[in-house]
Amino acid sequence: MIAASKYGAISNIAFPNVPANATKEQVHEMARDFAGPLMNNFGPADTVVMIQGEMTLTYELVRIFKIAGYVVCAACSERKTQEIHNPDGTTTKTSVFEFVQFRIY
């Protein structure tokens, strides 16, 4: 949150769930429906939008916001993974993500 605070006030808005069977057109419509109210509340001159989530919706949202003049970014993290091979033959995998920077799309 400290790195994000340099951009000003932070509003955390949950990324919508995208059904696996959604068509390209449905994802495009979801993106328009999701972006519209945000654009009405937050103007491009004073807003940086971080977009991360389901890949096809992310693509559509990044495209929409960039066309409208917003700065759009993603959080970049280092993934540190540990695998433990259990006596029963199973493997337990633990990942820790350490934030590094925001990267502009």
Protein backbone atom coordinates (compact mmCIF):
# COMPACT_ATOMS: atom_id res chain seq x y z
CA MET A 1 0.00 0.00 0.00
CA ILE A 2 2.92 2.36 0.60
CA ALA A 3 3.99 2.19 -3.06
CA ALA A 4 0.41 2.76 -4.21
CA SER A 5 -0.09 5.73 -1.90
CA LYS A 6 2.19 7.89 -4.07
CA TYR A 7 -0.67 7.86 -6.60
CA GLY A 8 -3.12 9.35 -4.07
CA ALA A 9 -6.29 7.95 -2.56
CA ILE A 10 -6.85 4.23 -3.14
CA SER A 11 -10.19 2.64 -3.99
CA ASN A 12 -10.18 -1.15 -4.02
CA ILE A 13 -12.85 -2.52 -6.35
CA ALA A 14 -13.28 -6.29 -6.64
CA PHE A 15 -12.58 -7.75 -10.06
CA PRO A 16 -15.70 -9.42 -11.46
CA ASN A 17 -15.93 -13.17 -11.90
CA VAL A 18 -15.80 -14.25 -15.54
CA PRO A 19 -17.65 -17.48 -16.31
CA ALA A 20 -15.43 -19.95 -18.18
CA ASN A 21 -18.10 -20.37 -20.85
CA ALA A 22 -18.49 -16.60 -21.51
CA THR A 23 -18.12 -15.62 -25.15
CA LYS A 24 -15.78 -12.91 -26.41
CA GLU A 25 -18.79 -10.65 -26.87
CA GLN A 26 -20.00 -11.29 -23.32
CA VAL A 27 -16.56 -10.47 -21.91
CA HIS A 28 -16.50 -7.27 -23.96
CA GLU A 29 -19.94 -6.33 -22.58
CA MET A 30 -18.79 -7.13 -19.03
CA ALA A 31 -15.82 -4.82 -19.52
CA ARG A 32 -18.01 -1.97 -20.78
CA ASP A 33 -20.48 -2.46 -17.91
CA PHE A 34 -17.68 -2.55 -15.33
CA ALA A 35 -15.66 0.37 -16.72
CA GLY A 36 -18.55 2.77 -17.29
CA PRO A 37 -19.44 3.55 -13.66
CA LEU A 38 -15.76 3.78 -12.71
CA MET A 39 -15.12 6.30 -15.48
CA ASN A 40 -18.12 8.32 -14.29
CA ASN A 41 -16.66 8.50 -10.76
CA PHE A 42 -12.93 8.80 -11.49
CA GLY A 43 -11.58 10.98 -14.29
CA PRO A 44 -8.43 10.17 -16.28
CA ALA A 45 -6.61 13.35 -15.28
CA ASP A 46 -6.23 12.28 -11.66
CA THR A 47 -6.58 8.51 -11.73
CA VAL A 48 -4.21 5.58 -12.16
CA VAL A 49 -6.06 2.30 -12.67
CA MET A 50 -4.48 -0.99 -11.62
CA ILE A 51 -6.08 -3.87 -13.51
CA GLN A 52 -5.34 -7.52 -12.79
CA GLY A 53 -7.59 -10.54 -13.03
CA GLU A 54 -8.98 -12.96 -15.59
CA MET A 55 -6.87 -12.38 -18.70
CA THR A 56 -9.49 -11.68 -21.38
CA LEU A 57 -11.40 -9.25 -19.16
CA THR A 58 -8.11 -7.62 -18.13
CA TYR A 59 -7.26 -7.10 -21.81
CA GLU A 60 -10.64 -5.52 -22.55
CA LEU A 61 -10.50 -3.25 -19.50
CA VAL A 62 -6.93 -2.11 -20.19
CA ARG A 63 -7.93 -1.31 -23.78
CA ILE A 64 -11.03 0.64 -22.72
CA PHE A 65 -9.24 2.66 -20.03
CA LYS A 66 -6.21 3.44 -22.22
CA ILE A 67 -8.41 4.64 -25.10
CA ALA A 68 -10.16 6.94 -22.61
CA GLY A 69 -6.81 8.42 -21.55
CA TYR A 70 -6.23 6.72 -18.20
CA VAL A 71 -2.84 5.55 -16.95
CA VAL A 72 -3.23 1.80 -16.45
CA CYS A 73 -0.82 -0.40 -14.52
CA ALA A 74 -0.29 -3.84 -13.01
CA ALA A 75 1.47 -4.82 -9.80
CA CYS A 76 4.67 -6.80 -10.35
CA SER A 77 5.77 -9.29 -7.73
CA GLU A 78 8.47 -11.87 -7.24
CA ARG A 79 7.02 -15.31 -6.58
CA LYS A 80 8.97 -17.33 -4.04
CA THR A 81 7.87 -20.95 -4.15
CA GLN A 82 8.66 -23.79 -1.78
CA GLU A 83 7.79 -27.41 -2.53
CA ILE A 84 7.66 -30.04 0.18
CA HIS A 85 7.54 -33.67 -0.87
CA ASN A 86 5.42 -35.43 1.72
CA PRO A 87 6.00 -39.02 2.89
CA ASP A 88 2.66 -40.08 1.36
CA GLY A 89 3.89 -39.11 -2.14
CA THR A 90 1.97 -35.84 -2.35
CA THR A 91 3.60 -32.46 -2.80
CA THR A 92 2.69 -29.31 -0.89
CA LYS A 93 3.52 -26.13 -2.76
CA THR A 94 3.53 -22.74 -1.05
CA SER A 95 3.97 -19.45 -2.90
CA VAL A 96 4.72 -16.06 -1.39
CA PHE A 97 4.43 -13.00 -3.61
CA GLU A 98 6.70 -10.06 -2.76
CA PHE A 99 5.67 -6.76 -4.37
CA VAL A 100 8.40 -5.08 -6.44
CA GLN A 101 6.82 -2.30 -8.51
CA PHE A 102 3.89 -1.08 -10.55
CA ARG A 103 4.36 -1.46 -14.31
CA ILE A 104 2.44 0.67 -16.80
CA TYR A 105 0.65 -1.21 -19.58
